[in-house]
Structures are given as structure tokens and as C-alpha cells.
Amino acid sequence: MPKPSGFQYEQQGDATVTVTHHGRPAGTLRGDRAAKFLAEVTSGDAQLVMARWTGAYRHGNERAARDHPRNRARGGR
């Protein structure tokens, strides 16, 4: 699985954090969620943390789920 990249975050003065991915807005966090995010992003792999918090995190099972019989009628192969 490729490692996430291209994420950046900017902390505003009003306790708001804006996360971007390749220069485009990916999420905005405020209040307690912003504080929790900042604590996590400074203590771990920042790119992986930002990918998870913005929902751009791939679990690696998307292909297997697409091929499941229940999902074939939904646009699988």
C-alpha cells in the first residue's frame, strides 16, 4: 500500500485547523477535534494522520470488496 503524501495543515488563530491535499481543502477541524488532531499529528506519522482524519485513507481491501458477489451489481467489473 503506498504511503499517503501531499497533505499539509495550517493552524489558524481561532483554534481552527485546515488540512489541504495537494493545495486543495480536504477538511477543517475546530475546537476539541482540532486539539486532538494537533496532538496526534505531532506525535505520529503526520501524512498518515492527516489522511485518516480527512477520510482519504485506504484500507487496502477496496478491490476485494468490489469483487464480492453482493457488490457486483453495483458497478464492479
PDB file of N, CA and C in Angstrom:
ATOM      1  N   MET A   1       0.856  -1.169   0.000  1.00  0.00           N
ATOM      2  CA  MET A   1       0.000   0.000   0.000  1.00  0.00           C
ATOM      3  C   MET A   1       0.902   1.232   0.000  1.00  0.00           C
ATOM      4  N   PRO A   2       0.681   2.160  -0.930  1.00  0.00           N
ATOM      5  CA  PRO A   2       1.515   3.362  -0.964  1.00  0.00           C
ATOM      6  C   PRO A   2       1.256   4.258   0.239  1.00  0.00           C
ATOM      7  N   LYS A   3       2.307   4.913   0.657  1.00  0.00           N
ATOM      8  CA  LYS A   3       2.214   5.820   1.792  1.00  0.00           C
ATOM      9  C   LYS A   3       1.543   7.121   1.358  1.00  0.00           C
ATOM     10  N   PRO A   4       0.600   7.645   2.160  1.00  0.00           N
ATOM     11  CA  PRO A   4      -0.053   8.906   1.788  1.00  0.00           C
ATOM     12  C   PRO A   4       0.958  10.053   1.721  1.00  0.00           C
ATOM     13  N   SER A   5       0.712  10.987   0.809  1.00  0.00           N
ATOM     14  CA  SER A   5       1.587  12.157   0.691  1.00  0.00           C
ATOM     15  C   SER A   5       0.779  13.330   0.153  1.00  0.00           C
ATOM     16  N   GLY A   6       1.354  14.525   0.242  1.00  0.00           N
ATOM     17  CA  GLY A   6       0.725  15.717  -0.305  1.00  0.00           C
ATOM     18  C   GLY A   6      -0.170  16.462   0.672  1.00  0.00           C
ATOM     19  N   PHE A   7      -0.229  16.003   1.921  1.00  0.00           N
ATOM     20  CA  PHE A   7      -1.070  16.661   2.910  1.00  0.00           C
ATOM     21  C   PHE A   7      -0.289  17.742   3.644  1.00  0.00           C
ATOM     22  N   GLN A   8      -0.977  18.831   3.967  1.00  0.00           N
ATOM     23  CA  GLN A   8      -0.426  19.895   4.794  1.00  0.00           C
ATOM     24  C   GLN A   8      -1.534  20.395   5.694  1.00  0.00           C
ATOM     25  N   TYR A   9      -1.150  20.982   6.814  1.00  0.00           N
ATOM     26  CA  TYR A   9      -2.163  21.579   7.680  1.00  0.00           C
ATOM     27  C   TYR A   9      -1.693  22.948   8.129  1.00  0.00           C
ATOM     28  N   GLU A  10      -2.676  23.794   8.405  1.00  0.00           N
ATOM     29  CA  GLU A  10      -2.393  25.149   8.863  1.00  0.00           C
ATOM     30  C   GLU A  10      -3.282  25.438  10.061  1.00  0.00           C
ATOM     31  N   GLN A  11      -2.648  25.892  11.127  1.00  0.00           N
ATOM     32  CA  GLN A  11      -3.381  26.223  12.345  1.00  0.00           C
ATOM     33  C   GLN A  11      -3.712  27.713  12.328  1.00  0.00           C
ATOM     34  N   GLN A  12      -4.991  28.035  12.474  1.00  0.00           N
ATOM     35  CA  GLN A  12      -5.450  29.419  12.494  1.00  0.00           C
ATOM     36  C   GLN A  12      -5.404  29.935  13.936  1.00  0.00           C
ATOM     37  N   GLY A  13      -5.537  31.217  14.113  1.00  0.00           N
ATOM     38  CA  GLY A  13      -5.503  31.826  15.432  1.00  0.00           C
ATOM     39  C   GLY A  13      -6.724  31.507  16.284  1.00  0.00           C
ATOM     40  N   ASP A  14      -7.837  31.168  15.651  1.00  0.00           N
ATOM     41  CA  ASP A  14      -9.069  30.905  16.397  1.00  0.00           C
ATOM     42  C   ASP A  14      -9.274  29.421  16.705  1.00  0.00           C
ATOM     43  N   ALA A  15      -8.188  28.679  16.862  1.00  0.00           N
ATOM     44  CA  ALA A  15      -8.214  27.247  17.188  1.00  0.00           C
ATOM     45  C   ALA A  15      -8.861  26.414  16.087  1.00  0.00           C
ATOM     46  N   THR A  16      -8.718  26.851  14.838  1.00  0.00           N
ATOM     47  CA  THR A  16      -9.195  26.105  13.687  1.00  0.00           C
ATOM     48  C   THR A  16      -7.992  25.555  12.937  1.00  0.00           C
ATOM     49  N   VAL A  17      -8.104  24.321  12.467  1.00  0.00           N
ATOM     50  CA  VAL A  17      -7.045  23.698  11.678  1.00  0.00           C
ATOM     51  C   VAL A  17      -7.622  23.366  10.310  1.00  0.00           C
ATOM     52  N   THR A  18      -6.940  23.799   9.258  1.00  0.00           N
ATOM     53  CA  THR A  18      -7.349  23.490   7.893  1.00  0.00           C
ATOM     54  C   THR A  18      -6.345  22.518   7.299  1.00  0.00           C
ATOM     55  N   VAL A  19      -6.843  21.401   6.788  1.00  0.00           N
ATOM     56  CA  VAL A  19      -5.993  20.386   6.164  1.00  0.00           C
ATOM     57  C   VAL A  19      -6.202  20.467   4.658  1.00  0.00           C
ATOM     58  N   THR A  20      -5.094  20.490   3.908  1.00  0.00           N
ATOM     59  CA  THR A  20      -5.172  20.512   2.455  1.00  0.00           C
ATOM     60  C   THR A  20      -4.454  19.301   1.886  1.00  0.00           C
ATOM     61  N   HIS A  21      -4.858  18.910   0.691  1.00  0.00           N
ATOM     62  CA  HIS A  21      -4.203  17.811  -0.022  1.00  0.00           C
ATOM     63  C   HIS A  21      -3.871  18.322  -1.414  1.00  0.00           C
ATOM     64  N   HIS A  22      -2.585  18.424  -1.699  1.00  0.00           N
ATOM     65  CA  HIS A  22      -2.095  18.994  -2.953  1.00  0.00           C
ATOM     66  C   HIS A  22      -2.695  20.375  -3.208  1.00  0.00           C
ATOM     67  N   GLY A  23      -2.779  21.172  -2.149  1.00  0.00           N
ATOM     68  CA  GLY A  23      -3.237  22.545  -2.263  1.00  0.00           C
ATOM     69  C   GLY A  23      -4.745  22.748  -2.232  1.00  0.00           C
ATOM     70  N   ARG A  24      -5.502  21.671  -2.222  1.00  0.00           N
ATOM     71  CA  ARG A  24      -6.964  21.784  -2.186  1.00  0.00           C
ATOM     72  C   ARG A  24      -7.475  21.468  -0.790  1.00  0.00           C
ATOM     73  N   PRO A  25      -8.483  22.182  -0.320  1.00  0.00           N
ATOM     74  CA  PRO A  25      -9.017  21.918   1.019  1.00  0.00           C
ATOM     75  C   PRO A  25      -9.529  20.484   1.148  1.00  0.00           C
ATOM     76  N   ALA A  26      -9.125  19.822   2.227  1.00  0.00           N
ATOM     77  CA  ALA A  26      -9.554  18.441   2.462  1.00  0.00           C
ATOM     78  C   ALA A  26     -10.367  18.327   3.743  1.00  0.00           C
ATOM     79  N   GLY A  27     -10.245  19.303   4.638  1.00  0.00           N
ATOM     80  CA  GLY A  27     -11.013  19.260   5.874  1.00  0.00           C
ATOM     81  C   GLY A  27     -10.698  20.429   6.778  1.00  0.00           C
ATOM     82  N   THR A  28     -11.663  20.767   7.618  1.00  0.00           N
ATOM     83  CA  THR A  28     -11.493  21.824   8.607  1.00  0.00           C
ATOM     84  C   THR A  28     -11.907  21.275   9.960  1.00  0.00           C
ATOM     85  N   LEU A  29     -11.058  21.462  10.944  1.00  0.00           N
ATOM     86  CA  LEU A  29     -11.320  20.972  12.298  1.00  0.00           C
ATOM     87  C   LEU A  29     -11.360  22.145  13.253  1.00  0.00           C
ATOM     88  N   ARG A  30     -12.286  22.094  14.191  1.00  0.00           N
ATOM     89  CA  ARG A  30     -12.431  23.181  15.161  1.00  0.00           C
ATOM     90  C   ARG A  30     -12.537  22.613  16.568  1.00  0.00           C
ATOM     91  N   GLY A  31     -12.188  23.451  17.544  1.00  0.00           N
ATOM     92  CA  GLY A  31     -12.391  23.116  18.950  1.00  0.00           C
ATOM     93  C   GLY A  31     -11.627  21.891  19.415  1.00  0.00           C
ATOM     94  N   ASP A  32     -12.329  21.006  20.126  1.00  0.00           N
ATOM     95  CA  ASP A  32     -11.706  19.816  20.706  1.00  0.00           C
ATOM     96  C   ASP A  32     -11.133  18.892  19.637  1.00  0.00           C
ATOM     97  N   ARG A  33     -11.829  18.790  18.502  1.00  0.00           N
ATOM     98  CA  ARG A  33     -11.327  17.928  17.425  1.00  0.00           C
ATOM     99  C   ARG A  33     -10.005  18.453  16.882  1.00  0.00           C
ATOM    100  N   ALA A  34      -9.876  19.768  16.766  1.00  0.00           N
ATOM    101  CA  ALA A  34      -8.631  20.362  16.281  1.00  0.00           C
ATOM    102  C   ALA A  34      -7.496  20.096  17.270  1.00  0.00           C
ATOM    103  N   ALA A  35      -7.769  20.234  18.565  1.00  0.00           N
ATOM    104  CA  ALA A  35      -6.746  19.984  19.582  1.00  0.00           C
ATOM    105  C   ALA A  35      -6.308  18.525  19.567  1.00  0.00           C
ATOM    106  N   LYS A  36      -7.258  17.623  19.426  1.00  0.00           N
ATOM    107  CA  LYS A  36      -6.953  16.187  19.377  1.00  0.00           C
ATOM    108  C   LYS A  36      -6.122  15.871  18.129  1.00  0.00           C
ATOM    109  N   PHE A  37      -6.488  16.473  16.995  1.00  0.00           N
ATOM    110  CA  PHE A  37      -5.749  16.284  15.750  1.00  0.00           C
ATOM    111  C   PHE A  37      -4.305  16.758  15.901  1.00  0.00           C
ATOM    112  N   LEU A  38      -4.117  17.962  16.458  1.00  0.00           N
ATOM    113  CA  LEU A  38      -2.769  18.516  16.611  1.00  0.00           C
ATOM    114  C   LEU A  38      -1.897  17.644  17.508  1.00  0.00           C
ATOM    115  N   ALA A  39      -2.486  17.106  18.569  1.00  0.00           N
ATOM    116  CA  ALA A  39      -1.729  16.220  19.456  1.00  0.00           C
ATOM    117  C   ALA A  39      -1.301  14.956  18.713  1.00  0.00           C
ATOM    118  N   GLU A  40      -2.185  14.425  17.886  1.00  0.00           N
ATOM    119  CA  GLU A  40      -1.881  13.193  17.166  1.00  0.00           C
ATOM    120  C   GLU A  40      -0.908  13.423  16.018  1.00  0.00           C
ATOM    121  N   VAL A  41      -1.059  14.537  15.301  1.00  0.00           N
ATOM    122  CA  VAL A  41      -0.217  14.784  14.126  1.00  0.00           C
ATOM    123  C   VAL A  41       1.232  15.077  14.536  1.00  0.00           C
ATOM    124  N   THR A  42       1.439  15.647  15.715  1.00  0.00           N
ATOM    125  CA  THR A  42       2.810  15.945  16.153  1.00  0.00           C
ATOM    126  C   THR A  42       3.498  14.739  16.769  1.00  0.00           C
ATOM    127  N   SER A  43       2.732  13.707  17.127  1.00  0.00           N
ATOM    128  CA  SER A  43       3.348  12.549  17.781  1.00  0.00           C
ATOM    129  C   SER A  43       3.488  11.338  16.868  1.00  0.00           C
ATOM    130  N   GLY A  44       2.933  11.399  15.664  1.00  0.00           N
ATOM    131  CA  GLY A  44       2.992  10.234  14.783  1.00  0.00           C
ATOM    132  C   GLY A  44       3.394  10.612  13.375  1.00  0.00           C
ATOM    133  N   ASP A  45       3.116   9.722  12.430  1.00  0.00           N
ATOM    134  CA  ASP A  45       3.385   9.974  11.023  1.00  0.00           C
ATOM    135  C   ASP A  45       2.353  10.989  10.525  1.00  0.00           C
ATOM    136  N   ALA A  46       2.781  12.215  10.310  1.00  0.00           N
ATOM    137  CA  ALA A  46       1.865  13.314  10.003  1.00  0.00           C
ATOM    138  C   ALA A  46       1.034  13.041   8.754  1.00  0.00           C
ATOM    139  N   GLN A  47       1.630  12.507   7.695  1.00  0.00           N
ATOM    140  CA  GLN A  47       0.893  12.246   6.457  1.00  0.00           C
ATOM    141  C   GLN A  47      -0.204  11.204   6.672  1.00  0.00           C
ATOM    142  N   LEU A  48       0.112  10.159   7.389  1.00  0.00           N
ATOM    143  CA  LEU A  48      -0.868   9.109   7.662  1.00  0.00           C
ATOM    144  C   LEU A  48      -1.997   9.630   8.553  1.00  0.00           C
ATOM    145  N   VAL A  49      -1.652  10.425   9.545  1.00  0.00           N
ATOM    146  CA  VAL A  49      -2.659  11.001  10.445  1.00  0.00           C
ATOM    147  C   VAL A  49      -3.606  11.909   9.665  1.00  0.00           C
ATOM    148  N   MET A  50      -3.054  12.769   8.804  1.00  0.00           N
ATOM    149  CA  MET A  50      -3.908  13.677   8.033  1.00  0.00           C
ATOM    150  C   MET A  50      -4.786  12.907   7.051  1.00  0.00           C
ATOM    151  N   ALA A  51      -4.266  11.849   6.459  1.00  0.00           N
ATOM    152  CA  ALA A  51      -5.070  11.037   5.545  1.00  0.00           C
ATOM    153  C   ALA A  51      -6.240  10.400   6.286  1.00  0.00           C
ATOM    154  N   ARG A  52      -5.977   9.885   7.470  1.00  0.00           N
ATOM    155  CA  ARG A  52      -7.047   9.267   8.263  1.00  0.00           C
ATOM    156  C   ARG A  52      -8.100  10.280   8.676  1.00  0.00           C
ATOM    157  N   TRP A  53      -7.679  11.432   9.153  1.00  0.00           N
ATOM    158  CA  TRP A  53      -8.619  12.444   9.651  1.00  0.00           C
ATOM    159  C   TRP A  53      -9.458  13.052   8.533  1.00  0.00           C
ATOM    160  N   THR A  54      -8.968  13.055   7.299  1.00  0.00           N
ATOM    161  CA  THR A  54      -9.738  13.635   6.203  1.00  0.00           C
ATOM    162  C   THR A  54     -10.557  12.589   5.459  1.00  0.00           C
ATOM    163  N   GLY A  55     -10.387  11.334   5.793  1.00  0.00           N
ATOM    164  CA  GLY A  55     -11.144  10.283   5.132  1.00  0.00           C
ATOM    165  C   GLY A  55     -10.512   9.821   3.838  1.00  0.00           C
ATOM    166  N   ALA A  56      -9.295  10.230   3.554  1.00  0.00           N
ATOM    167  CA  ALA A  56      -8.615   9.830   2.334  1.00  0.00           C
ATOM    168  C   ALA A  56      -7.726   8.615   2.590  1.00  0.00           C
ATOM    169  N   TYR A  57      -8.060   7.837   3.587  1.00  0.00           N
ATOM    170  CA  TYR A  57      -7.243   6.702   3.991  1.00  0.00           C
ATOM    171  C   TYR A  57      -7.783   5.439   3.347  1.00  0.00           C
ATOM    172  N   ARG A  58      -6.950   4.719   2.651  1.00  0.00           N
ATOM    173  CA  ARG A  58      -7.342   3.463   2.014  1.00  0.00           C
ATOM    174  C   ARG A  58      -6.932   2.302   2.907  1.00  0.00           C
ATOM    175  N   HIS A  59      -7.817   1.368   3.057  1.00  0.00           N
ATOM    176  CA  HIS A  59      -7.557   0.227   3.928  1.00  0.00           C
ATOM    177  C   HIS A  59      -6.935  -0.943   3.179  1.00  0.00           C
ATOM    178  N   GLY A  60      -6.936  -0.920   1.867  1.00  0.00           N
ATOM    179  CA  GLY A  60      -6.324  -1.986   1.099  1.00  0.00           C
ATOM    180  C   GLY A  60      -7.298  -3.073   0.680  1.00  0.00           C
ATOM    181  N   ASN A  61      -8.552  -2.999   1.114  1.00  0.00           N
ATOM    182  CA  ASN A  61      -9.499  -4.056   0.777  1.00  0.00           C
ATOM    183  C   ASN A  61     -10.536  -3.610  -0.241  1.00  0.00           C
ATOM    184  N   GLU A  62     -10.330  -2.465  -0.886  1.00  0.00           N
ATOM    185  CA  GLU A  62     -11.328  -1.950  -1.811  1.00  0.00           C
ATOM    186  C   GLU A  62     -11.543  -2.884  -2.998  1.00  0.00           C
ATOM    187  N   ARG A  63     -10.469  -3.452  -3.517  1.00  0.00           N
ATOM    188  CA  ARG A  63     -10.594  -4.345  -4.665  1.00  0.00           C
ATOM    189  C   ARG A  63     -11.354  -5.610  -4.280  1.00  0.00           C
ATOM    190  N   ALA A  64     -11.054  -6.167  -3.130  1.00  0.00           N
ATOM    191  CA  ALA A  64     -11.747  -7.375  -2.674  1.00  0.00           C
ATOM    192  C   ALA A  64     -13.223  -7.097  -2.451  1.00  0.00           C
ATOM    193  N   ALA A  65     -13.560  -5.943  -1.932  1.00  0.00           N
ATOM    194  CA  ALA A  65     -14.959  -5.598  -1.698  1.00  0.00           C
ATOM    195  C   ALA A  65     -15.692  -5.406  -3.021  1.00  0.00           C
ATOM    196  N   ARG A  66     -15.029  -4.836  -3.995  1.00  0.00           N
ATOM    197  CA  ARG A  66     -15.656  -4.624  -5.301  1.00  0.00           C
ATOM    198  C   ARG A  66     -16.018  -5.952  -5.958  1.00  0.00           C
ATOM    199  N   ASP A  67     -15.193  -6.977  -5.754  1.00  0.00           N
ATOM    200  CA  ASP A  67     -15.412  -8.269  -6.384  1.00  0.00           C
ATOM    201  C   ASP A  67     -16.343  -9.182  -5.600  1.00  0.00           C
ATOM    202  N   HIS A  68     -16.780  -8.766  -4.449  1.00  0.00           N
ATOM    203  CA  HIS A  68     -17.688  -9.591  -3.648  1.00  0.00           C
ATOM    204  C   HIS A  68     -19.018  -9.738  -4.391  1.00  0.00           C
ATOM    205  N   PRO A  69     -19.629 -10.934  -4.374  1.00  0.00           N
ATOM    206  CA  PRO A  69     -20.893 -11.140  -5.109  1.00  0.00           C
ATOM    207  C   PRO A  69     -21.984 -10.134  -4.755  1.00  0.00           C
ATOM    208  N   ARG A  70     -22.046  -9.690  -3.535  1.00  0.00           N
ATOM    209  CA  ARG A  70     -23.069  -8.736  -3.124  1.00  0.00           C
ATOM    210  C   ARG A  70     -22.895  -7.388  -3.838  1.00  0.00           C
ATOM    211  N   ASN A  71     -21.676  -7.049  -4.212  1.00  0.00           N
ATOM    212  CA  ASN A  71     -21.394  -5.739  -4.798  1.00  0.00           C
ATOM    213  C   ASN A  71     -21.227  -5.763  -6.310  1.00  0.00           C
ATOM    214  N   ARG A  72     -21.255  -6.905  -6.937  1.00  0.00           N
ATOM    215  CA  ARG A  72     -21.026  -6.973  -8.379  1.00  0.00           C
ATOM    216  C   ARG A  72     -22.056  -6.210  -9.175  1.00  0.00           C
ATOM    217  N   ALA A  73     -23.297  -6.193  -8.722  1.00  0.00           N
ATOM    218  CA  ALA A  73     -24.348  -5.489  -9.452  1.00  0.00           C
ATOM    219  C   ALA A  73     -24.240  -3.972  -9.300  1.00  0.00           C
ATOM    220  N   ARG A  74     -23.394  -3.511  -8.406  1.00  0.00           N
ATOM    221  CA  ARG A  74     -23.254  -2.081  -8.124  1.00  0.00           C
ATOM    222  C   ARG A  74     -22.164  -1.420  -8.915  1.00  0.00           C
ATOM    223  N   GLY A  75     -21.671  -2.029  -9.932  1.00  0.00           N
ATOM    224  CA  GLY A  75     -20.652  -1.376 -10.742  1.00  0.00           C
ATOM    225  C   GLY A  75     -19.288  -2.022 -10.618  1.00  0.00           C
ATOM    226  N   GLY A  76     -19.220  -3.179 -10.014  1.00  0.00           N
ATOM    227  CA  GLY A  76     -17.966  -3.926 -10.005  1.00  0.00           C
ATOM    228  C   GLY A  76     -17.597  -4.267 -11.434  1.00  0.00           C
ATOM    229  N   ARG A  77     -16.751  -5.122 -11.692  1.00  0.00           N
ATOM    230  CA  ARG A  77     -16.335  -5.418 -13.058  1.00  0.00           C
ATOM    231  C   ARG A  77     -17.429  -5.907 -13.868  1.00  0.00           C
TER     232      ARG A  77
END
